[in-house]
Amino acid sequence: MNSEDISKLIVAMKEVFPTADMIQRGFSHVDERFEQISDRFEQVDQRFDQIDGRLAHIDARLNTIERDIRDLVSREEFTDLTARVKYLEMKLGVESGK
């Protein structure tokens, strides 16, 4: 079978099955759409990688902050000290800085 015979066969098949050509074009369109979707997923993956990096950086910063404030004065101690300073200011006749 040569290329001319194959071309004739394709034309004959299209006449017998007119929807075959439409289906083929439809599948070609679907392939193009899948390529576009694949490209979009790659972009989304890149953005997630960026977000993961930023989250890791934020997590490291929070860990540093937690470590730094662990040894600071507790809220209760601060409230107690504030009351004591206020009492001393009142006894000494000093106006508060506030």
N, C-alpha and C. Protein backbone atom coordinates (compact mmCIF):
# COMPACT_ATOMS: atom_id res chain seq x y z
N MET A 1 0.87 -1.17 0.00
CA MET A 1 0.00 0.00 0.00
C MET A 1 0.91 1.23 0.00
N ASN A 2 0.72 2.10 -0.97
CA ASN A 2 1.55 3.30 -1.05
C ASN A 2 0.82 4.49 -0.43
N SER A 3 1.47 5.66 -0.42
CA SER A 3 0.89 6.83 0.25
C SER A 3 -0.38 7.32 -0.43
N GLU A 4 -0.47 7.11 -1.76
CA GLU A 4 -1.69 7.51 -2.47
C GLU A 4 -2.87 6.65 -2.04
N ASP A 5 -2.63 5.37 -1.87
CA ASP A 5 -3.68 4.45 -1.41
C ASP A 5 -4.12 4.79 0.02
N ILE A 6 -3.14 5.15 0.83
CA ILE A 6 -3.46 5.52 2.22
C ILE A 6 -4.30 6.79 2.25
N SER A 7 -3.95 7.78 1.40
CA SER A 7 -4.72 9.03 1.34
C SER A 7 -6.15 8.75 0.89
N LYS A 8 -6.30 7.87 -0.12
CA LYS A 8 -7.65 7.52 -0.60
C LYS A 8 -8.44 6.83 0.51
N LEU A 9 -7.76 5.96 1.25
CA LEU A 9 -8.42 5.25 2.34
C LEU A 9 -8.88 6.23 3.42
N ILE A 10 -8.04 7.21 3.73
CA ILE A 10 -8.40 8.21 4.75
C ILE A 10 -9.62 9.00 4.29
N VAL A 11 -9.63 9.43 3.01
CA VAL A 11 -10.78 10.17 2.47
C VAL A 11 -12.04 9.31 2.53
N ALA A 12 -11.91 8.04 2.16
CA ALA A 12 -13.06 7.13 2.18
C ALA A 12 -13.57 6.94 3.60
N MET A 13 -12.63 6.82 4.56
CA MET A 13 -13.03 6.65 5.95
C MET A 13 -13.76 7.89 6.46
N LYS A 14 -13.29 9.07 6.04
CA LYS A 14 -13.95 10.30 6.46
C LYS A 14 -15.36 10.40 5.90
N GLU A 15 -15.54 9.88 4.69
CA GLU A 15 -16.88 9.89 4.11
C GLU A 15 -17.80 8.92 4.84
N VAL A 16 -17.27 7.76 5.21
CA VAL A 16 -18.07 6.75 5.90
C VAL A 16 -18.31 7.17 7.35
N PHE A 17 -17.28 7.73 7.96
CA PHE A 17 -17.36 8.14 9.36
C PHE A 17 -17.08 9.65 9.46
N PRO A 18 -18.06 10.49 9.13
CA PRO A 18 -17.81 11.94 9.11
C PRO A 18 -17.45 12.50 10.49
N THR A 19 -17.87 11.83 11.52
CA THR A 19 -17.56 12.35 12.86
C THR A 19 -16.13 12.04 13.29
N ALA A 20 -15.46 11.13 12.61
CA ALA A 20 -14.10 10.76 12.99
C ALA A 20 -13.17 11.97 12.93
N ASP A 21 -13.31 12.78 11.89
CA ASP A 21 -12.45 13.97 11.76
C ASP A 21 -12.75 14.96 12.89
N MET A 22 -14.03 15.12 13.22
CA MET A 22 -14.40 16.03 14.32
C MET A 22 -13.83 15.53 15.64
N ILE A 23 -13.90 14.23 15.86
CA ILE A 23 -13.40 13.65 17.09
C ILE A 23 -11.88 13.86 17.18
N GLN A 24 -11.20 13.65 16.03
CA GLN A 24 -9.76 13.84 16.02
C GLN A 24 -9.40 15.29 16.37
N ARG A 25 -10.13 16.25 15.79
CA ARG A 25 -9.87 17.66 16.11
C ARG A 25 -10.17 17.93 17.59
N GLY A 26 -11.22 17.31 18.10
CA GLY A 26 -11.57 17.48 19.51
C GLY A 26 -10.47 16.96 20.42
N PHE A 27 -9.92 15.80 20.09
CA PHE A 27 -8.83 15.26 20.89
C PHE A 27 -7.59 16.14 20.82
N SER A 28 -7.34 16.72 19.65
CA SER A 28 -6.20 17.63 19.52
C SER A 28 -6.39 18.83 20.44
N HIS A 29 -7.63 19.33 20.50
CA HIS A 29 -7.92 20.46 21.38
C HIS A 29 -7.74 20.07 22.85
N VAL A 30 -8.18 18.87 23.20
CA VAL A 30 -8.03 18.39 24.57
C VAL A 30 -6.55 18.28 24.92
N ASP A 31 -5.74 17.79 23.99
CA ASP A 31 -4.29 17.69 24.23
C ASP A 31 -3.70 19.07 24.51
N GLU A 32 -4.12 20.07 23.74
CA GLU A 32 -3.63 21.43 23.96
C GLU A 32 -4.02 21.93 25.34
N ARG A 33 -5.25 21.66 25.74
CA ARG A 33 -5.73 22.10 27.06
C ARG A 33 -4.95 21.40 28.18
N PHE A 34 -4.66 20.11 28.01
CA PHE A 34 -3.87 19.40 29.01
C PHE A 34 -2.47 20.00 29.13
N GLU A 35 -1.90 20.42 28.01
CA GLU A 35 -0.58 21.07 28.06
C GLU A 35 -0.66 22.37 28.85
N GLN A 36 -1.73 23.14 28.61
CA GLN A 36 -1.90 24.40 29.34
C GLN A 36 -2.07 24.13 30.84
N ILE A 37 -2.87 23.14 31.16
CA ILE A 37 -3.10 22.79 32.56
C ILE A 37 -1.80 22.33 33.22
N SER A 38 -1.04 21.54 32.49
CA SER A 38 0.25 21.06 33.01
C SER A 38 1.18 22.24 33.30
N ASP A 39 1.21 23.21 32.39
CA ASP A 39 2.03 24.41 32.60
C ASP A 39 1.58 25.17 33.84
N ARG A 40 0.27 25.28 34.01
CA ARG A 40 -0.27 25.99 35.17
C ARG A 40 0.09 25.27 36.47
N PHE A 41 0.03 23.95 36.47
CA PHE A 41 0.42 23.19 37.66
C PHE A 41 1.89 23.40 38.00
N GLU A 42 2.72 23.50 36.99
CA GLU A 42 4.14 23.78 37.24
C GLU A 42 4.30 25.14 37.91
N GLN A 43 3.53 26.13 37.46
CA GLN A 43 3.58 27.46 38.07
C GLN A 43 3.10 27.39 39.52
N VAL A 44 2.04 26.64 39.77
CA VAL A 44 1.52 26.49 41.14
C VAL A 44 2.56 25.80 42.02
N ASP A 45 3.21 24.77 41.49
CA ASP A 45 4.26 24.09 42.25
C ASP A 45 5.38 25.04 42.62
N GLN A 46 5.78 25.89 41.69
CA GLN A 46 6.83 26.87 41.97
C GLN A 46 6.40 27.83 43.08
N ARG A 47 5.16 28.27 43.03
CA ARG A 47 4.67 29.19 44.05
C ARG A 47 4.62 28.52 45.41
N PHE A 48 4.20 27.24 45.46
CA PHE A 48 4.20 26.51 46.73
C PHE A 48 5.61 26.37 47.28
N ASP A 49 6.57 26.14 46.39
CA ASP A 49 7.97 26.06 46.84
C ASP A 49 8.40 27.39 47.47
N GLN A 50 8.00 28.51 46.86
CA GLN A 50 8.33 29.82 47.42
C GLN A 50 7.66 30.00 48.78
N ILE A 51 6.40 29.61 48.88
CA ILE A 51 5.67 29.74 50.14
C ILE A 51 6.30 28.86 51.21
N ASP A 52 6.69 27.64 50.84
CA ASP A 52 7.35 26.75 51.80
C ASP A 52 8.62 27.40 52.34
N GLY A 53 9.39 28.03 51.45
CA GLY A 53 10.61 28.71 51.88
C GLY A 53 10.33 29.85 52.84
N ARG A 54 9.29 30.63 52.51
CA ARG A 54 8.94 31.75 53.38
C ARG A 54 8.43 31.26 54.73
N LEU A 55 7.64 30.19 54.73
CA LEU A 55 7.14 29.65 55.99
C LEU A 55 8.28 29.11 56.85
N ALA A 56 9.25 28.49 56.22
CA ALA A 56 10.40 27.99 56.98
C ALA A 56 11.15 29.15 57.61
N HIS A 57 11.28 30.25 56.86
CA HIS A 57 11.96 31.44 57.38
C HIS A 57 11.17 32.04 58.56
N ILE A 58 9.86 32.14 58.40
CA ILE A 58 9.01 32.68 59.48
C ILE A 58 9.08 31.78 60.70
N ASP A 59 9.05 30.47 60.48
CA ASP A 59 9.13 29.52 61.60
C ASP A 59 10.45 29.69 62.35
N ALA A 60 11.54 29.86 61.61
CA ALA A 60 12.84 30.05 62.26
C ALA A 60 12.85 31.35 63.08
N ARG A 61 12.25 32.40 62.52
CA ARG A 61 12.19 33.66 63.25
C ARG A 61 11.36 33.53 64.52
N LEU A 62 10.23 32.84 64.44
CA LEU A 62 9.39 32.63 65.63
C LEU A 62 10.13 31.83 66.69
N ASN A 63 10.87 30.83 66.26
CA ASN A 63 11.66 30.04 67.22
C ASN A 63 12.68 30.92 67.92
N THR A 64 13.31 31.82 67.18
CA THR A 64 14.28 32.75 67.78
C THR A 64 13.60 33.66 68.79
N ILE A 65 12.44 34.18 68.42
CA ILE A 65 11.70 35.07 69.33
C ILE A 65 11.29 34.31 70.59
N GLU A 66 10.77 33.10 70.42
CA GLU A 66 10.38 32.30 71.59
C GLU A 66 11.57 32.05 72.51
N ARG A 67 12.71 31.73 71.92
CA ARG A 67 13.90 31.48 72.72
C ARG A 67 14.33 32.75 73.46
N ASP A 68 14.25 33.90 72.76
CA ASP A 68 14.67 35.17 73.36
C ASP A 68 13.77 35.62 74.50
N ILE A 69 12.46 35.37 74.40
CA ILE A 69 11.55 35.88 75.43
C ILE A 69 11.31 34.88 76.56
N ARG A 70 11.82 33.68 76.40
CA ARG A 70 11.61 32.64 77.41
C ARG A 70 12.11 33.10 78.79
N ASP A 71 13.20 33.82 78.81
CA ASP A 71 13.80 34.23 80.08
C ASP A 71 13.35 35.61 80.54
N LEU A 72 12.43 36.24 79.82
CA LEU A 72 11.95 37.55 80.22
C LEU A 72 10.98 37.45 81.40
N VAL A 73 10.63 38.59 81.91
CA VAL A 73 9.73 38.66 83.06
C VAL A 73 8.34 38.18 82.66
N SER A 74 7.72 37.41 83.55
CA SER A 74 6.37 36.93 83.26
C SER A 74 5.37 38.08 83.42
N ARG A 75 4.20 37.89 82.92
CA ARG A 75 3.15 38.92 82.99
C ARG A 75 2.80 39.25 84.44
N GLU A 76 2.73 38.21 85.28
CA GLU A 76 2.40 38.43 86.69
C GLU A 76 3.48 39.26 87.38
N GLU A 77 4.74 38.92 87.10
CA GLU A 77 5.83 39.69 87.69
C GLU A 77 5.80 41.15 87.23
N PHE A 78 5.50 41.34 85.96
CA PHE A 78 5.43 42.69 85.43
C PHE A 78 4.31 43.49 86.10
N THR A 79 3.15 42.88 86.26
CA THR A 79 2.03 43.55 86.92
C THR A 79 2.40 43.90 88.36
N ASP A 80 3.03 42.97 89.05
CA ASP A 80 3.46 43.21 90.43
C ASP A 80 4.45 44.37 90.49
N LEU A 81 5.43 44.37 89.60
CA LEU A 81 6.44 45.45 89.59
C LEU A 81 5.80 46.80 89.25
N THR A 82 4.86 46.80 88.37
CA THR A 82 4.17 48.04 88.01
C THR A 82 3.46 48.61 89.23
N ALA A 83 2.78 47.76 89.98
CA ALA A 83 2.07 48.21 91.19
C ALA A 83 3.07 48.75 92.21
N ARG A 84 4.21 48.10 92.38
CA ARG A 84 5.22 48.56 93.33
C ARG A 84 5.79 49.92 92.93
N VAL A 85 6.09 50.08 91.64
CA VAL A 85 6.63 51.36 91.16
C VAL A 85 5.61 52.46 91.37
N LYS A 86 4.36 52.17 91.07
CA LYS A 86 3.31 53.16 91.28
C LYS A 86 3.24 53.57 92.76
N TYR A 87 3.32 52.60 93.66
CA TYR A 87 3.28 52.87 95.10
C TYR A 87 4.47 53.75 95.51
N LEU A 88 5.66 53.41 95.00
CA LEU A 88 6.84 54.20 95.33
C LEU A 88 6.74 55.63 94.79
N GLU A 89 6.24 55.75 93.58
CA GLU A 89 6.06 57.09 93.00
C GLU A 89 5.11 57.92 93.86
N MET A 90 4.04 57.28 94.31
CA MET A 90 3.06 57.98 95.13
C MET A 90 3.70 58.42 96.46
N LYS A 91 4.45 57.54 97.12
CA LYS A 91 5.09 57.84 98.40
C LYS A 91 6.14 58.94 98.25
N LEU A 92 6.86 58.93 97.12
CA LEU A 92 7.92 59.91 96.92
C LEU A 92 7.40 61.22 96.31
N GLY A 93 6.14 61.22 95.91
CA GLY A 93 5.56 62.41 95.30
C GLY A 93 6.04 62.64 93.89
N VAL A 94 6.44 61.58 93.20
CA VAL A 94 6.92 61.68 91.82
C VAL A 94 5.76 61.37 90.88
N GLU A 95 5.63 62.22 89.82
CA GLU A 95 4.58 61.97 88.85
C GLU A 95 5.01 60.87 87.90
N SER A 96 4.08 60.07 87.54
CA SER A 96 4.35 58.96 86.61
C SER A 96 4.73 59.51 85.26
N GLY A 97 5.52 58.75 84.55
CA GLY A 97 5.93 59.14 83.20
C GLY A 97 4.80 59.03 82.19
N LYS A 98 3.72 58.44 82.60
CA LYS A 98 2.58 58.27 81.68
C LYS A 98 1.75 59.50 81.62
